[in-house]
Amino acid sequence: MGPSRPGLVFFYSPVSGACRRTEAFLAQVLQRRQNHDTFALYRVDDTKRPDLVRRFRVDELPTLVVVEDNAVRRRLVRPRCSRDIERFLAPWLK
């Protein structure tokens, strides 16, 4: 069995325009670079999983967190464009 994929956790609010934009930016980055299988993607709704929001110490939404080998490797708070996300995910992208 090969190494497991890093987890990409997307913390969002369903009523936030900024979160919807970030989700679109993320989809654009993964599609453009054909990296849909690079990460195990987890979407965390802050209203349904406040326990995870606290556990990951998320203070602002949207927030992206990369988890690898059971440790948080990187965190990006309130990305403004797809380039922010692309730079953030660069170590893992093809």
N, C-alpha and C. Protein backbone atom coordinates (compact mmCIF):
# COMPACT_ATOMS: atom_id res chain seq x y z
N MET A 1 0.84 -1.19 0.00
CA MET A 1 0.00 0.00 0.00
C MET A 1 0.89 1.25 0.00
N GLY A 2 0.58 2.21 -0.85
CA GLY A 2 1.36 3.44 -0.98
C GLY A 2 1.07 4.41 0.14
N PRO A 3 1.80 5.51 0.13
CA PRO A 3 1.56 6.53 1.16
C PRO A 3 0.17 7.13 1.01
N SER A 4 -0.41 7.50 2.14
CA SER A 4 -1.74 8.08 2.09
C SER A 4 -1.67 9.53 1.59
N ARG A 5 -2.78 9.98 1.05
CA ARG A 5 -2.84 11.35 0.54
C ARG A 5 -2.97 12.33 1.71
N PRO A 6 -2.40 13.52 1.55
CA PRO A 6 -2.61 14.54 2.58
C PRO A 6 -4.07 14.96 2.58
N GLY A 7 -4.56 15.35 3.74
CA GLY A 7 -5.92 15.85 3.85
C GLY A 7 -5.94 17.36 3.64
N LEU A 8 -6.92 17.81 2.89
CA LEU A 8 -7.14 19.24 2.70
C LEU A 8 -8.49 19.55 3.33
N VAL A 9 -8.45 20.29 4.42
CA VAL A 9 -9.67 20.59 5.18
C VAL A 9 -10.08 22.03 4.87
N PHE A 10 -11.30 22.16 4.39
CA PHE A 10 -11.87 23.46 4.02
C PHE A 10 -12.93 23.82 5.05
N PHE A 11 -12.60 24.77 5.92
CA PHE A 11 -13.54 25.25 6.93
C PHE A 11 -14.31 26.41 6.32
N TYR A 12 -15.64 26.32 6.38
CA TYR A 12 -16.47 27.33 5.72
C TYR A 12 -17.77 27.56 6.48
N SER A 13 -18.43 28.65 6.10
CA SER A 13 -19.77 28.95 6.57
C SER A 13 -20.68 28.92 5.35
N PRO A 14 -21.82 28.22 5.45
CA PRO A 14 -22.71 28.13 4.29
C PRO A 14 -23.36 29.45 3.90
N VAL A 15 -23.29 30.46 4.75
CA VAL A 15 -23.92 31.75 4.45
C VAL A 15 -22.92 32.82 4.03
N SER A 16 -21.67 32.44 3.86
CA SER A 16 -20.61 33.40 3.56
C SER A 16 -20.29 33.44 2.07
N GLY A 17 -20.36 34.62 1.50
CA GLY A 17 -19.96 34.81 0.11
C GLY A 17 -18.48 34.55 -0.09
N ALA A 18 -17.66 34.97 0.88
CA ALA A 18 -16.21 34.74 0.78
C ALA A 18 -15.91 33.24 0.75
N CYS A 19 -16.66 32.46 1.51
CA CYS A 19 -16.45 31.01 1.52
C CYS A 19 -16.84 30.39 0.18
N ARG A 20 -17.94 30.85 -0.40
CA ARG A 20 -18.35 30.33 -1.71
C ARG A 20 -17.31 30.67 -2.78
N ARG A 21 -16.76 31.88 -2.72
CA ARG A 21 -15.72 32.27 -3.67
C ARG A 21 -14.47 31.40 -3.49
N THR A 22 -14.08 31.17 -2.24
CA THR A 22 -12.91 30.35 -1.97
C THR A 22 -13.11 28.93 -2.48
N GLU A 23 -14.30 28.41 -2.33
CA GLU A 23 -14.58 27.06 -2.83
C GLU A 23 -14.42 27.02 -4.35
N ALA A 24 -14.87 28.05 -5.03
CA ALA A 24 -14.71 28.14 -6.48
C ALA A 24 -13.23 28.27 -6.86
N PHE A 25 -12.48 29.09 -6.12
CA PHE A 25 -11.05 29.24 -6.38
C PHE A 25 -10.33 27.89 -6.20
N LEU A 26 -10.68 27.18 -5.13
CA LEU A 26 -10.06 25.89 -4.86
C LEU A 26 -10.35 24.90 -5.99
N ALA A 27 -11.59 24.84 -6.43
CA ALA A 27 -11.95 23.94 -7.53
C ALA A 27 -11.16 24.31 -8.79
N GLN A 28 -11.00 25.59 -9.03
CA GLN A 28 -10.26 26.07 -10.20
C GLN A 28 -8.80 25.62 -10.14
N VAL A 29 -8.17 25.76 -9.00
CA VAL A 29 -6.76 25.37 -8.84
C VAL A 29 -6.60 23.86 -9.04
N LEU A 30 -7.46 23.08 -8.41
CA LEU A 30 -7.35 21.63 -8.53
C LEU A 30 -7.63 21.16 -9.95
N GLN A 31 -8.58 21.79 -10.62
CA GLN A 31 -8.92 21.42 -11.99
C GLN A 31 -7.80 21.82 -12.96
N ARG A 32 -7.33 23.03 -12.84
CA ARG A 32 -6.31 23.53 -13.77
C ARG A 32 -5.05 22.68 -13.71
N ARG A 33 -4.66 22.29 -12.52
CA ARG A 33 -3.43 21.52 -12.36
C ARG A 33 -3.70 20.01 -12.32
N GLN A 34 -4.95 19.59 -12.52
CA GLN A 34 -5.37 18.18 -12.51
C GLN A 34 -4.90 17.47 -11.25
N ASN A 35 -5.27 18.06 -10.11
CA ASN A 35 -4.85 17.54 -8.81
C ASN A 35 -6.03 17.06 -7.96
N HIS A 36 -7.11 16.66 -8.58
CA HIS A 36 -8.28 16.23 -7.81
C HIS A 36 -7.97 15.05 -6.89
N ASP A 37 -7.02 14.19 -7.28
CA ASP A 37 -6.71 13.01 -6.48
C ASP A 37 -5.51 13.21 -5.56
N THR A 38 -4.95 14.41 -5.55
CA THR A 38 -3.77 14.68 -4.72
C THR A 38 -4.13 14.72 -3.24
N PHE A 39 -5.31 15.25 -2.94
CA PHE A 39 -5.73 15.43 -1.55
C PHE A 39 -7.01 14.64 -1.25
N ALA A 40 -7.16 14.27 0.00
CA ALA A 40 -8.46 13.84 0.50
C ALA A 40 -9.11 15.12 0.99
N LEU A 41 -10.16 15.57 0.30
CA LEU A 41 -10.79 16.86 0.59
C LEU A 41 -11.92 16.68 1.60
N TYR A 42 -11.88 17.49 2.64
CA TYR A 42 -12.92 17.48 3.69
C TYR A 42 -13.49 18.87 3.81
N ARG A 43 -14.80 18.99 3.68
CA ARG A 43 -15.48 20.27 3.84
C ARG A 43 -16.11 20.29 5.23
N VAL A 44 -15.77 21.30 6.02
CA VAL A 44 -16.28 21.39 7.39
C VAL A 44 -17.13 22.64 7.54
N ASP A 45 -18.43 22.42 7.68
CA ASP A 45 -19.40 23.49 7.91
C ASP A 45 -19.29 23.91 9.38
N ASP A 46 -18.98 25.17 9.63
CA ASP A 46 -18.77 25.63 11.00
C ASP A 46 -20.01 25.48 11.88
N THR A 47 -21.19 25.48 11.29
CA THR A 47 -22.42 25.34 12.09
C THR A 47 -22.71 23.89 12.46
N LYS A 48 -22.19 22.96 11.66
CA LYS A 48 -22.44 21.54 11.93
C LYS A 48 -21.32 20.89 12.73
N ARG A 49 -20.11 21.42 12.64
CA ARG A 49 -18.97 20.82 13.34
C ARG A 49 -18.15 21.85 14.10
N PRO A 50 -18.79 22.57 15.04
CA PRO A 50 -18.01 23.56 15.82
C PRO A 50 -16.88 22.91 16.62
N ASP A 51 -17.02 21.63 16.93
CA ASP A 51 -15.95 20.92 17.64
C ASP A 51 -14.67 20.88 16.82
N LEU A 52 -14.79 20.64 15.50
CA LEU A 52 -13.60 20.62 14.65
C LEU A 52 -13.04 22.02 14.45
N VAL A 53 -13.90 23.01 14.39
CA VAL A 53 -13.45 24.40 14.28
C VAL A 53 -12.58 24.75 15.49
N ARG A 54 -13.03 24.35 16.68
CA ARG A 54 -12.25 24.59 17.90
C ARG A 54 -10.96 23.76 17.91
N ARG A 55 -11.08 22.50 17.55
CA ARG A 55 -9.92 21.60 17.58
C ARG A 55 -8.79 22.08 16.67
N PHE A 56 -9.15 22.60 15.51
CA PHE A 56 -8.15 23.11 14.57
C PHE A 56 -7.83 24.59 14.79
N ARG A 57 -8.42 25.16 15.82
CA ARG A 57 -8.18 26.57 16.19
C ARG A 57 -8.42 27.53 15.02
N VAL A 58 -9.57 27.35 14.38
CA VAL A 58 -9.96 28.21 13.26
C VAL A 58 -10.70 29.41 13.82
N ASP A 59 -10.16 30.61 13.58
CA ASP A 59 -10.76 31.85 14.09
C ASP A 59 -11.49 32.62 13.01
N GLU A 60 -11.11 32.42 11.75
CA GLU A 60 -11.74 33.14 10.64
C GLU A 60 -12.09 32.16 9.53
N LEU A 61 -13.15 32.50 8.81
CA LEU A 61 -13.57 31.67 7.69
C LEU A 61 -13.54 32.50 6.43
N PRO A 62 -13.21 31.89 5.32
CA PRO A 62 -12.79 30.51 5.13
C PRO A 62 -11.33 30.29 5.53
N THR A 63 -11.05 29.06 5.92
CA THR A 63 -9.68 28.64 6.24
C THR A 63 -9.42 27.29 5.59
N LEU A 64 -8.24 27.16 5.00
CA LEU A 64 -7.80 25.89 4.42
C LEU A 64 -6.65 25.37 5.27
N VAL A 65 -6.69 24.06 5.55
CA VAL A 65 -5.64 23.43 6.36
C VAL A 65 -5.20 22.16 5.66
N VAL A 66 -3.89 21.98 5.51
CA VAL A 66 -3.35 20.73 4.98
C VAL A 66 -2.87 19.89 6.16
N VAL A 67 -3.38 18.66 6.23
CA VAL A 67 -2.98 17.72 7.29
C VAL A 67 -2.26 16.56 6.63
N GLU A 68 -1.04 16.30 7.10
CA GLU A 68 -0.24 15.22 6.54
C GLU A 68 0.46 14.52 7.70
N ASP A 69 0.43 13.19 7.70
CA ASP A 69 1.04 12.40 8.78
C ASP A 69 0.48 12.83 10.15
N ASN A 70 -0.83 13.05 10.19
CA ASN A 70 -1.53 13.42 11.43
C ASN A 70 -1.07 14.73 12.05
N ALA A 71 -0.51 15.62 11.23
CA ALA A 71 -0.08 16.92 11.73
C ALA A 71 -0.50 18.00 10.74
N VAL A 72 -0.83 19.17 11.28
CA VAL A 72 -1.13 20.31 10.42
C VAL A 72 0.17 20.79 9.80
N ARG A 73 0.23 20.78 8.47
CA ARG A 73 1.44 21.20 7.75
C ARG A 73 1.38 22.65 7.31
N ARG A 74 0.19 23.08 6.88
CA ARG A 74 0.04 24.47 6.42
C ARG A 74 -1.38 24.93 6.69
N ARG A 75 -1.52 26.26 6.79
CA ARG A 75 -2.82 26.87 7.05
C ARG A 75 -2.91 28.16 6.23
N LEU A 76 -4.06 28.36 5.60
CA LEU A 76 -4.30 29.58 4.84
C LEU A 76 -5.65 30.16 5.26
N VAL A 77 -5.61 31.39 5.75
CA VAL A 77 -6.81 32.06 6.25
C VAL A 77 -7.25 33.10 5.23
N ARG A 78 -8.53 33.06 4.88
CA ARG A 78 -9.18 34.03 3.99
C ARG A 78 -8.40 34.30 2.69
N PRO A 79 -8.20 33.26 1.88
CA PRO A 79 -7.54 33.50 0.60
C PRO A 79 -8.36 34.45 -0.25
N ARG A 80 -7.68 35.30 -1.01
CA ARG A 80 -8.39 36.32 -1.80
C ARG A 80 -8.53 35.95 -3.26
N CYS A 81 -7.72 34.99 -3.73
CA CYS A 81 -7.78 34.63 -5.15
C CYS A 81 -7.22 33.22 -5.34
N SER A 82 -7.37 32.71 -6.54
CA SER A 82 -6.87 31.36 -6.81
C SER A 82 -5.34 31.29 -6.70
N ARG A 83 -4.65 32.40 -6.98
CA ARG A 83 -3.19 32.39 -6.84
C ARG A 83 -2.75 32.18 -5.40
N ASP A 84 -3.50 32.76 -4.45
CA ASP A 84 -3.19 32.52 -3.03
C ASP A 84 -3.24 31.03 -2.72
N ILE A 85 -4.27 30.38 -3.22
CA ILE A 85 -4.45 28.94 -2.96
C ILE A 85 -3.39 28.13 -3.69
N GLU A 86 -3.08 28.52 -4.90
CA GLU A 86 -2.07 27.80 -5.67
C GLU A 86 -0.70 27.88 -4.98
N ARG A 87 -0.33 29.06 -4.50
CA ARG A 87 0.94 29.20 -3.76
C ARG A 87 0.92 28.37 -2.47
N PHE A 88 -0.20 28.40 -1.79
CA PHE A 88 -0.35 27.67 -0.53
C PHE A 88 -0.19 26.16 -0.74
N LEU A 89 -0.77 25.64 -1.83
CA LEU A 89 -0.74 24.20 -2.10
C LEU A 89 0.45 23.76 -2.95
N ALA A 90 1.30 24.69 -3.34
CA ALA A 90 2.41 24.41 -4.27
C ALA A 90 3.25 23.18 -3.91
N PRO A 91 3.58 22.94 -2.63
CA PRO A 91 4.42 21.78 -2.32
C PRO A 91 3.80 20.43 -2.72
N TRP A 92 2.47 20.40 -2.88
CA TRP A 92 1.78 19.16 -3.19
C TRP A 92 1.27 19.08 -4.61
N LEU A 93 1.21 20.19 -5.33
CA LEU A 93 0.64 20.20 -6.67
C LEU A 93 1.60 19.62 -7.69
N LYS A 94 1.03 19.04 -8.74
CA LYS A 94 1.84 18.49 -9.84
C LYS A 94 2.40 19.60 -10.66
